[in-house]
PDB file of all heavy atoms in Angstrom:
ATOM      1  N   GLU A   1     -71.173 -40.761  42.891  1.00  0.00           N
ATOM      2  CA  GLU A   1     -70.406 -42.008  42.861  1.00  0.00           C
ATOM      3  C   GLU A   1     -69.386 -41.994  41.727  1.00  0.00           C
ATOM      4  O   GLU A   1     -68.228 -42.410  41.893  1.00  0.00           O
ATOM      5  CB  GLU A   1     -71.346 -43.203  42.692  1.00  0.00           C
ATOM      6  CG  GLU A   1     -70.599 -44.540  42.627  1.00  0.00           C
ATOM      7  CD  GLU A   1     -71.465 -45.692  42.146  1.00  0.00           C
ATOM      8  OE1 GLU A   1     -72.644 -45.445  41.800  1.00  0.00           O
ATOM      9  OE2 GLU A   1     -70.954 -46.826  42.089  1.00  0.00           O
ATOM     10  N   MET A   2     -69.799 -41.506  40.542  1.00  0.00           N
ATOM     11  CA  MET A   2     -68.895 -41.450  39.401  1.00  0.00           C
ATOM     12  C   MET A   2     -67.762 -40.458  39.641  1.00  0.00           C
ATOM     13  O   MET A   2     -66.603 -40.726  39.277  1.00  0.00           O
ATOM     14  CB  MET A   2     -69.678 -41.082  38.135  1.00  0.00           C
ATOM     15  CG  MET A   2     -70.679 -42.130  37.689  1.00  0.00           C
ATOM     16  SD  MET A   2     -69.906 -43.695  37.188  1.00  0.00           S
ATOM     17  CE  MET A   2     -69.156 -43.198  35.624  1.00  0.00           C
ATOM     18  N   PHE A   3     -68.068 -39.321  40.244  1.00  0.00           N
ATOM     19  CA  PHE A   3     -67.004 -38.354  40.564  1.00  0.00           C
ATOM     20  C   PHE A   3     -66.014 -38.960  41.551  1.00  0.00           C
ATOM     21  O   PHE A   3     -64.801 -38.748  41.454  1.00  0.00           O
ATOM     22  CB  PHE A   3     -67.605 -37.064  41.126  1.00  0.00           C
ATOM     23  CG  PHE A   3     -68.130 -36.134  40.069  1.00  0.00           C
ATOM     24  CD1 PHE A   3     -69.501 -35.924  39.929  1.00  0.00           C
ATOM     25  CD2 PHE A   3     -67.272 -35.468  39.209  1.00  0.00           C
ATOM     26  CE1 PHE A   3     -69.995 -35.075  38.958  1.00  0.00           C
ATOM     27  CE2 PHE A   3     -67.758 -34.604  38.237  1.00  0.00           C
ATOM     28  CZ  PHE A   3     -69.119 -34.412  38.109  1.00  0.00           C
ATOM     29  N   SER A   4     -66.531 -39.742  42.506  1.00  0.00           N
ATOM     30  CA  SER A   4     -65.665 -40.405  43.472  1.00  0.00           C
ATOM     31  C   SER A   4     -64.797 -41.458  42.779  1.00  0.00           C
ATOM     32  O   SER A   4     -63.602 -41.589  43.073  1.00  0.00           O
ATOM     33  CB  SER A   4     -66.515 -41.062  44.567  1.00  0.00           C
ATOM     34  OG  SER A   4     -65.704 -41.763  45.483  1.00  0.00           O
ATOM     35  N   LEU A   5     -65.389 -42.186  41.838  1.00  0.00           N
ATOM     36  CA  LEU A   5     -64.632 -43.172  41.078  1.00  0.00           C
ATOM     37  C   LEU A   5     -63.548 -42.510  40.233  1.00  0.00           C
ATOM     38  O   LEU A   5     -62.453 -43.066  40.066  1.00  0.00           O
ATOM     39  CB  LEU A   5     -65.572 -43.974  40.168  1.00  0.00           C
ATOM     40  CG  LEU A   5     -66.434 -45.034  40.848  1.00  0.00           C
ATOM     41  CD1 LEU A   5     -67.462 -45.588  39.870  1.00  0.00           C
ATOM     42  CD2 LEU A   5     -65.556 -46.164  41.382  1.00  0.00           C
ATOM     43  N   TYR A   6     -63.852 -41.340  39.719  1.00  0.00           N
ATOM     44  CA  TYR A   6     -62.857 -40.618  38.927  1.00  0.00           C
ATOM     45  C   TYR A   6     -61.635 -40.272  39.772  1.00  0.00           C
ATOM     46  O   TYR A   6     -60.491 -40.400  39.316  1.00  0.00           O
ATOM     47  CB  TYR A   6     -63.476 -39.365  38.317  1.00  0.00           C
ATOM     48  CG  TYR A   6     -62.478 -38.473  37.603  1.00  0.00           C
ATOM     49  CD1 TYR A   6     -61.635 -38.994  36.631  1.00  0.00           C
ATOM     50  CD2 TYR A   6     -62.389 -37.118  37.913  1.00  0.00           C
ATOM     51  CE1 TYR A   6     -60.716 -38.184  35.981  1.00  0.00           C
ATOM     52  CE2 TYR A   6     -61.476 -36.302  37.269  1.00  0.00           C
ATOM     53  CZ  TYR A   6     -60.643 -36.848  36.310  1.00  0.00           C
ATOM     54  OH  TYR A   6     -59.718 -36.043  35.675  1.00  0.00           O
ATOM     55  N   GLU A   7     -61.862 -39.862  41.016  1.00  0.00           N
ATOM     56  CA  GLU A   7     -60.740 -39.579  41.914  1.00  0.00           C
ATOM     57  C   GLU A   7     -59.933 -40.850  42.178  1.00  0.00           C
ATOM     58  O   GLU A   7     -58.701 -40.813  42.255  1.00  0.00           O
ATOM     59  CB  GLU A   7     -61.252 -38.986  43.230  1.00  0.00           C
ATOM     60  CG  GLU A   7     -61.901 -37.612  43.086  1.00  0.00           C
ATOM     61  CD  GLU A   7     -60.933 -36.588  42.484  1.00  0.00           C
ATOM     62  OE1 GLU A   7     -59.740 -36.591  42.888  1.00  0.00           O
ATOM     63  OE2 GLU A   7     -61.369 -35.812  41.618  1.00  0.00           O
ATOM     64  N   GLU A   8     -60.645 -41.981  42.328  1.00  0.00           N
ATOM     65  CA  GLU A   8     -59.956 -43.261  42.528  1.00  0.00           C
ATOM     66  C   GLU A   8     -59.151 -43.636  41.280  1.00  0.00           C
ATOM     67  O   GLU A   8     -58.041 -44.180  41.384  1.00  0.00           O
ATOM     68  CB  GLU A   8     -60.967 -44.365  42.831  1.00  0.00           C
ATOM     69  CG  GLU A   8     -61.614 -44.284  44.201  1.00  0.00           C
ATOM     70  CD  GLU A   8     -62.556 -45.444  44.438  1.00  0.00           C
ATOM     71  OE1 GLU A   8     -62.345 -46.521  43.822  1.00  0.00           O
ATOM     72  OE2 GLU A   8     -63.509 -45.275  45.235  1.00  0.00           O
ATOM     73  N   TYR A   9     -59.729 -43.343  40.103  1.00  0.00           N
ATOM     74  CA  TYR A   9     -59.029 -43.697  38.871  1.00  0.00           C
ATOM     75  C   TYR A   9     -57.689 -42.973  38.763  1.00  0.00           C
ATOM     76  O   TYR A   9     -56.685 -43.579  38.339  1.00  0.00           O
ATOM     77  CB  TYR A   9     -59.870 -43.378  37.626  1.00  0.00           C
ATOM     78  CG  TYR A   9     -59.018 -43.490  36.375  1.00  0.00           C
ATOM     79  CD1 TYR A   9     -58.701 -44.744  35.861  1.00  0.00           C
ATOM     80  CD2 TYR A   9     -58.464 -42.363  35.780  1.00  0.00           C
ATOM     81  CE1 TYR A   9     -57.867 -44.865  34.770  1.00  0.00           C
ATOM     82  CE2 TYR A   9     -57.625 -42.479  34.685  1.00  0.00           C
ATOM     83  CZ  TYR A   9     -57.325 -43.730  34.184  1.00  0.00           C
ATOM     84  OH  TYR A   9     -56.479 -43.858  33.113  1.00  0.00           O
ATOM     85  N   LYS A  10     -57.654 -41.714  39.115  1.00  0.00           N
ATOM     86  CA  LYS A  10     -56.410 -40.958  38.999  1.00  0.00           C
ATOM     87  C   LYS A  10     -55.301 -41.609  39.823  1.00  0.00           C
ATOM     88  O   LYS A  10     -54.145 -41.679  39.386  1.00  0.00           O
ATOM     89  CB  LYS A  10     -56.640 -39.503  39.419  1.00  0.00           C
ATOM     90  CG  LYS A  10     -57.467 -38.720  38.401  1.00  0.00           C
ATOM     91  CD  LYS A  10     -57.531 -37.245  38.703  1.00  0.00           C
ATOM     92  CE  LYS A  10     -58.527 -36.935  39.793  1.00  0.00           C
ATOM     93  NZ  LYS A  10     -58.726 -35.474  39.959  1.00  0.00           N
ATOM     94  N   LYS A  11     -55.649 -42.139  40.998  1.00  0.00           N
ATOM     95  CA  LYS A  11     -54.666 -42.859  41.817  1.00  0.00           C
ATOM     96  C   LYS A  11     -54.312 -44.196  41.153  1.00  0.00           C
ATOM     97  O   LYS A  11     -53.139 -44.598  41.140  1.00  0.00           O
ATOM     98  CB  LYS A  11     -55.238 -43.105  43.219  1.00  0.00           C
ATOM     99  CG  LYS A  11     -55.538 -41.832  43.997  1.00  0.00           C
ATOM    100  CD  LYS A  11     -56.210 -42.169  45.337  1.00  0.00           C
ATOM    101  CE  LYS A  11     -56.611 -40.903  46.089  1.00  0.00           C
ATOM    102  NZ  LYS A  11     -57.322 -41.229  47.357  1.00  0.00           N
ATOM    103  N   TYR A  12     -55.323 -44.859  40.607  1.00  0.00           N
ATOM    104  CA  TYR A  12     -55.117 -46.142  39.939  1.00  0.00           C
ATOM    105  C   TYR A  12     -54.171 -45.988  38.750  1.00  0.00           C
ATOM    106  O   TYR A  12     -53.270 -46.820  38.542  1.00  0.00           O
ATOM    107  CB  TYR A  12     -56.467 -46.699  39.485  1.00  0.00           C
ATOM    108  CG  TYR A  12     -56.400 -47.973  38.690  1.00  0.00           C
ATOM    109  CD1 TYR A  12     -56.147 -49.190  39.311  1.00  0.00           C
ATOM    110  CD2 TYR A  12     -56.620 -47.964  37.313  1.00  0.00           C
ATOM    111  CE1 TYR A  12     -56.099 -50.376  38.578  1.00  0.00           C
ATOM    112  CE2 TYR A  12     -56.576 -49.135  36.572  1.00  0.00           C
ATOM    113  CZ  TYR A  12     -56.316 -50.340  37.210  1.00  0.00           C
ATOM    114  OH  TYR A  12     -56.268 -51.499  36.466  1.00  0.00           O
ATOM    115  N   GLU A  13     -54.353 -44.929  37.966  1.00  0.00           N
ATOM    116  CA  GLU A  13     -53.487 -44.698  36.810  1.00  0.00           C
ATOM    117  C   GLU A  13     -52.040 -44.523  37.244  1.00  0.00           C
ATOM    118  O   GLU A  13     -51.124 -45.098  36.639  1.00  0.00           O
ATOM    119  CB  GLU A  13     -53.960 -43.463  36.038  1.00  0.00           C
ATOM    120  CG  GLU A  13     -53.155 -43.197  34.777  1.00  0.00           C
ATOM    121  CD  GLU A  13     -53.656 -41.998  33.990  1.00  0.00           C
ATOM    122  OE1 GLU A  13     -54.872 -41.969  33.672  1.00  0.00           O
ATOM    123  OE2 GLU A  13     -52.852 -41.091  33.696  1.00  0.00           O
ATOM    124  N   GLN A  14     -51.809 -43.765  38.288  1.00  0.00           N
ATOM    125  CA  GLN A  14     -50.440 -43.571  38.780  1.00  0.00           C
ATOM    126  C   GLN A  14     -49.844 -44.891  39.271  1.00  0.00           C
ATOM    127  O   GLN A  14     -48.652 -45.167  39.055  1.00  0.00           O
ATOM    128  CB  GLN A  14     -50.438 -42.529  39.899  1.00  0.00           C
ATOM    129  CG  GLN A  14     -50.731 -41.111  39.430  1.00  0.00           C
ATOM    130  CD  GLN A  14     -49.744 -40.650  38.361  1.00  0.00           C
ATOM    131  OE1 GLN A  14     -48.529 -40.806  38.499  1.00  0.00           O
ATOM    132  NE2 GLN A  14     -50.287 -40.071  37.284  1.00  0.00           N
ATOM    133  N   GLN A  15     -50.662 -45.718  39.902  1.00  0.00           N
ATOM    134  CA  GLN A  15     -50.180 -47.028  40.371  1.00  0.00           C
ATOM    135  C   GLN A  15     -49.757 -47.902  39.194  1.00  0.00           C
ATOM    136  O   GLN A  15     -48.713 -48.569  39.237  1.00  0.00           O
ATOM    137  CB  GLN A  15     -51.273 -47.725  41.173  1.00  0.00           C
ATOM    138  CG  GLN A  15     -51.582 -47.075  42.514  1.00  0.00           C
ATOM    139  CD  GLN A  15     -52.832 -47.671  43.166  1.00  0.00           C
ATOM    140  OE1 GLN A  15     -53.522 -48.510  42.577  1.00  0.00           O
ATOM    141  NE2 GLN A  15     -53.122 -47.239  44.386  1.00  0.00           N
ATOM    142  N   GLN A  16     -50.556 -47.909  38.131  1.00  0.00           N
ATOM    143  CA  GLN A  16     -50.238 -48.725  36.961  1.00  0.00           C
ATOM    144  C   GLN A  16     -48.982 -48.234  36.259  1.00  0.00           C
ATOM    145  O   GLN A  16     -48.151 -49.032  35.808  1.00  0.00           O
ATOM    146  CB  GLN A  16     -51.418 -48.738  35.983  1.00  0.00           C
ATOM    147  CG  GLN A  16     -52.660 -49.427  36.513  1.00  0.00           C
ATOM    148  CD  GLN A  16     -52.414 -50.869  36.896  1.00  0.00           C
ATOM    149  OE1 GLN A  16     -51.810 -51.632  36.139  1.00  0.00           O
ATOM    150  NE2 GLN A  16     -52.865 -51.250  38.080  1.00  0.00           N
ATOM    151  N   LEU A  17     -48.814 -46.926  36.164  1.00  0.00           N
ATOM    152  CA  LEU A  17     -47.602 -46.377  35.553  1.00  0.00           C
ATOM    153  C   LEU A  17     -46.367 -46.772  36.355  1.00  0.00           C
ATOM    154  O   LEU A  17     -45.312 -47.093  35.789  1.00  0.00           O
ATOM    155  CB  LEU A  17     -47.703 -44.848  35.449  1.00  0.00           C
ATOM    156  CG  LEU A  17     -48.781 -44.308  34.495  1.00  0.00           C
ATOM    157  CD1 LEU A  17     -48.808 -42.786  34.543  1.00  0.00           C
ATOM    158  CD2 LEU A  17     -48.542 -44.797  33.070  1.00  0.00           C
ATOM    159  N   ALA A  18     -46.500 -46.767  37.685  1.00  0.00           N
ATOM    160  CA  ALA A  18     -45.386 -47.174  38.542  1.00  0.00           C
ATOM    161  C   ALA A  18     -45.076 -48.659  38.362  1.00  0.00           C
ATOM    162  O   ALA A  18     -43.900 -49.065  38.339  1.00  0.00           O
ATOM    163  CB  ALA A  18     -45.719 -46.877  40.007  1.00  0.00           C
ATOM    164  N   LEU A  19     -46.118 -49.484  38.201  1.00  0.00           N
ATOM    165  CA  LEU A  19     -45.912 -50.918  37.993  1.00  0.00           C
ATOM    166  C   LEU A  19     -45.177 -51.185  36.679  1.00  0.00           C
ATOM    167  O   LEU A  19     -44.274 -52.029  36.621  1.00  0.00           O
ATOM    168  CB  LEU A  19     -47.257 -51.650  37.988  1.00  0.00           C
ATOM    169  CG  LEU A  19     -47.951 -51.812  39.341  1.00  0.00           C
ATOM    170  CD1 LEU A  19     -49.349 -52.413  39.148  1.00  0.00           C
ATOM    171  CD2 LEU A  19     -47.120 -52.699  40.267  1.00  0.00           C
ATOM    172  N   ILE A  20     -45.560 -50.468  35.620  1.00  0.00           N
ATOM    173  CA  ILE A  20     -44.885 -50.648  34.324  1.00  0.00           C
ATOM    174  C   ILE A  20     -43.410 -50.280  34.448  1.00  0.00           C
ATOM    175  O   ILE A  20     -42.523 -51.007  33.981  1.00  0.00           O
ATOM    176  CB  ILE A  20     -45.556 -49.788  33.236  1.00  0.00           C
ATOM    177  CG1 ILE A  20     -47.005 -50.215  33.018  1.00  0.00           C
ATOM    178  CG2 ILE A  20     -44.779 -49.899  31.920  1.00  0.00           C
ATOM    179  CD1 ILE A  20     -47.780 -49.318  32.070  1.00  0.00           C
ATOM    180  N   SER A  21     -43.145 -49.155  35.085  1.00  0.00           N
ATOM    181  CA  SER A  21     -41.765 -48.680  35.208  1.00  0.00           C
ATOM    182  C   SER A  21     -40.903 -49.633  36.026  1.00  0.00           C
ATOM    183  O   SER A  21     -39.698 -49.760  35.785  1.00  0.00           O
ATOM    184  CB  SER A  21     -41.753 -47.288  35.846  1.00  0.00           C
ATOM    185  OG  SER A  21     -42.449 -46.352  35.045  1.00  0.00           O
ATOM    186  N   ALA A  22     -41.522 -50.334  36.994  1.00  0.00           N
ATOM    187  CA  ALA A  22     -40.761 -51.217  37.882  1.00  0.00           C
ATOM    188  C   ALA A  22     -40.728 -52.666  37.399  1.00  0.00           C
ATOM    189  O   ALA A  22     -39.930 -53.465  37.899  1.00  0.00           O
ATOM    190  CB  ALA A  22     -41.354 -51.165  39.295  1.00  0.00           C
ATOM    191  N   ASP A  23     -41.565 -53.032  36.428  1.00  0.00           N
ATOM    192  CA  ASP A  23     -41.685 -54.424  36.001  1.00  0.00           C
ATOM    193  C   ASP A  23     -40.406 -54.883  35.286  1.00  0.00           C
ATOM    194  O   ASP A  23     -39.907 -54.213  34.375  1.00  0.00           O
ATOM    195  CB  ASP A  23     -42.887 -54.585  35.070  1.00  0.00           C
ATOM    196  CG  ASP A  23     -43.425 -56.006  35.048  1.00  0.00           C
ATOM    197  OD1 ASP A  23     -42.649 -56.933  35.340  1.00  0.00           O
ATOM    198  OD2 ASP A  23     -44.619 -56.179  34.753  1.00  0.00           O
ATOM    199  N   VAL A  24     -39.885 -56.030  35.690  1.00  0.00           N
ATOM    200  CA  VAL A  24     -38.704 -56.599  35.040  1.00  0.00           C
ATOM    201  C   VAL A  24     -38.990 -57.995  34.498  1.00  0.00           C
ATOM    202  O   VAL A  24     -38.120 -58.648  33.940  1.00  0.00           O
ATOM    203  CB  VAL A  24     -37.508 -56.663  36.023  1.00  0.00           C
ATOM    204  CG1 VAL A  24     -37.056 -55.271  36.405  1.00  0.00           C
ATOM    205  CG2 VAL A  24     -37.870 -57.476  37.260  1.00  0.00           C
ATOM    206  N   GLU A  25     -40.232 -58.464  34.662  1.00  0.00           N
ATOM    207  CA  GLU A  25     -40.593 -59.825  34.240  1.00  0.00           C
ATOM    208  C   GLU A  25     -41.666 -59.834  33.166  1.00  0.00           C
ATOM    209  O   GLU A  25     -41.609 -60.627  32.225  1.00  0.00           O
ATOM    210  CB  GLU A  25     -41.082 -60.618  35.455  1.00  0.00           C
ATOM    211  CG  GLU A  25     -41.369 -62.069  35.148  1.00  0.00           C
ATOM    212  CD  GLU A  25     -41.801 -62.826  36.383  1.00  0.00           C
ATOM    213  OE1 GLU A  25     -41.828 -62.227  37.483  1.00  0.00           O
ATOM    214  OE2 GLU A  25     -42.130 -64.006  36.248  1.00  0.00           O
ATOM    215  N   PHE A  26     -42.674 -58.983  33.266  1.00  0.00           N
ATOM    216  CA  PHE A  26     -43.783 -58.920  32.315  1.00  0.00           C
ATOM    217  C   PHE A  26     -44.361 -60.323  32.081  1.00  0.00           C
ATOM    218  O   PHE A  26     -44.331 -60.872  30.987  1.00  0.00           O
ATOM    219  CB  PHE A  26     -43.348 -58.291  30.999  1.00  0.00           C
ATOM    220  CG  PHE A  26     -42.948 -56.851  31.125  1.00  0.00           C
ATOM    221  CD1 PHE A  26     -41.607 -56.497  31.239  1.00  0.00           C
ATOM    222  CD2 PHE A  26     -43.889 -55.850  31.162  1.00  0.00           C
ATOM    223  CE1 PHE A  26     -41.230 -55.175  31.376  1.00  0.00           C
ATOM    224  CE2 PHE A  26     -43.527 -54.520  31.294  1.00  0.00           C
ATOM    225  CZ  PHE A  26     -42.189 -54.181  31.409  1.00  0.00           C
ATOM    226  N   ALA A  27     -44.872 -60.907  33.144  1.00  0.00           N
ATOM    227  CA  ALA A  27     -45.368 -62.285  33.121  1.00  0.00           C
ATOM    228  C   ALA A  27     -46.663 -62.407  32.330  1.00  0.00           C
ATOM    229  O   ALA A  27     -47.404 -61.446  32.150  1.00  0.00           O
ATOM    230  CB  ALA A  27     -45.597 -62.765  34.552  1.00  0.00           C
ATOM    231  N   CYS A  28     -46.943 -63.634  31.848  1.00  0.00           N
ATOM    232  CA  CYS A  28     -48.221 -63.936  31.204  1.00  0.00           C
ATOM    233  C   CYS A  28     -49.298 -63.915  32.279  1.00  0.00           C
ATOM    234  O   CYS A  28     -49.402 -64.843  33.079  1.00  0.00           O
ATOM    235  CB  CYS A  28     -48.185 -65.305  30.547  1.00  0.00           C
ATOM    236  SG  CYS A  28     -46.936 -65.500  29.270  1.00  0.00           S
ATOM    237  N   SER A  29     -50.083 -62.878  32.308  1.00  0.00           N
ATOM    238  CA  SER A  29     -51.091 -62.756  33.360  1.00  0.00           C
ATOM    239  C   SER A  29     -52.312 -62.027  32.826  1.00  0.00           C
ATOM    240  O   SER A  29     -52.563 -60.862  33.171  1.00  0.00           O
ATOM    241  CB  SER A  29     -50.504 -62.006  34.565  1.00  0.00           C
ATOM    242  OG  SER A  29     -51.451 -61.884  35.596  1.00  0.00           O
ATOM    243  N   PRO A  30     -53.099 -62.690  31.943  1.00  0.00           N
ATOM    244  CA  PRO A  30     -54.273 -62.023  31.372  1.00  0.00           C
ATOM    245  C   PRO A  30     -55.308 -61.690  32.444  1.00  0.00           C
ATOM    246  O   PRO A  30     -55.552 -62.484  33.353  1.00  0.00           O
ATOM    247  CB  PRO A  30     -54.824 -63.052  30.377  1.00  0.00           C
ATOM    248  CG  PRO A  30     -54.285 -64.357  30.841  1.00  0.00           C
ATOM    249  CD  PRO A  30     -52.957 -64.072  31.455  1.00  0.00           C
ATOM    250  N   ARG A  31     -55.895 -60.498  32.333  1.00  0.00           N
ATOM    251  CA  ARG A  31     -56.877 -60.046  33.316  1.00  0.00           C
ATOM    252  C   ARG A  31     -58.114 -60.932  33.314  1.00  0.00           C
ATOM    253  O   ARG A  31     -58.699 -61.201  34.361  1.00  0.00           O
ATOM    254  CB  ARG A  31     -57.247 -58.587  32.998  1.00  0.00           C
ATOM    255  CG  ARG A  31     -58.373 -58.002  33.828  1.00  0.00           C
ATOM    256  CD  ARG A  31     -58.586 -56.524  33.488  1.00  0.00           C
ATOM    257  NE  ARG A  31     -58.720 -56.310  32.069  1.00  0.00           N
ATOM    258  CZ  ARG A  31     -59.842 -56.485  31.381  1.00  0.00           C
ATOM    259  NH1 ARG A  31     -60.927 -56.925  31.996  1.00  0.00           N
ATOM    260  NH2 ARG A  31     -59.895 -56.251  30.082  1.00  0.00           N
ATOM    261  N   GLU A  32     -58.536 -61.396  32.151  1.00  0.00           N
ATOM    262  CA  GLU A  32     -59.690 -62.276  32.029  1.00  0.00           C
ATOM    263  C   GLU A  32     -59.594 -63.034  30.719  1.00  0.00           C
ATOM    264  O   GLU A  32     -58.730 -62.756  29.879  1.00  0.00           O
ATOM    265  CB  GLU A  32     -60.999 -61.469  32.090  1.00  0.00           C
ATOM    266  CG  GLU A  32     -61.131 -60.428  30.992  1.00  0.00           C
ATOM    267  CD  GLU A  32     -62.457 -59.685  31.050  1.00  0.00           C
ATOM    268  OE1 GLU A  32     -63.351 -60.173  31.760  1.00  0.00           O
ATOM    269  OE2 GLU A  32     -62.586 -58.656  30.383  1.00  0.00           O
ATOM    270  N   VAL A  33     -60.457 -64.017  30.535  1.00  0.00           N
ATOM    271  CA  VAL A  33     -60.412 -64.877  29.353  1.00  0.00           C
ATOM    272  C   VAL A  33     -60.551 -64.072  28.067  1.00  0.00           C
ATOM    273  O   VAL A  33     -59.914 -64.362  27.050  1.00  0.00           O
ATOM    274  CB  VAL A  33     -61.518 -65.944  29.432  1.00  0.00           C
ATOM    275  CG1 VAL A  33     -61.615 -66.721  28.127  1.00  0.00           C
ATOM    276  CG2 VAL A  33     -61.240 -66.901  30.587  1.00  0.00           C
ATOM    277  N   LYS A  34     -61.384 -63.037  28.086  1.00  0.00           N
ATOM    278  CA  LYS A  34     -61.629 -62.251  26.881  1.00  0.00           C
ATOM    279  C   LYS A  34     -60.348 -61.626  26.336  1.00  0.00           C
ATOM    280  O   LYS A  34     -60.239 -61.354  25.140  1.00  0.00           O
ATOM    281  CB  LYS A  34     -62.645 -61.145  27.169  1.00  0.00           C
ATOM    282  CG  LYS A  34     -64.084 -61.626  27.256  1.00  0.00           C
ATOM    283  CD  LYS A  34     -65.031 -60.447  27.435  1.00  0.00           C
ATOM    284  CE  LYS A  34     -66.468 -60.913  27.491  1.00  0.00           C
ATOM    285  NZ  LYS A  34     -67.409 -59.775  27.667  1.00  0.00           N
TER     286      LYS A  34
END
């Protein structure tokens, strides 16, 4: 399960990098209260 999650993470990291590069607003959007 962890190895499978690691493969998912690699895709997730690329998605986040693409979001940063494309973001033009950088809205206030905290993931959680903490």
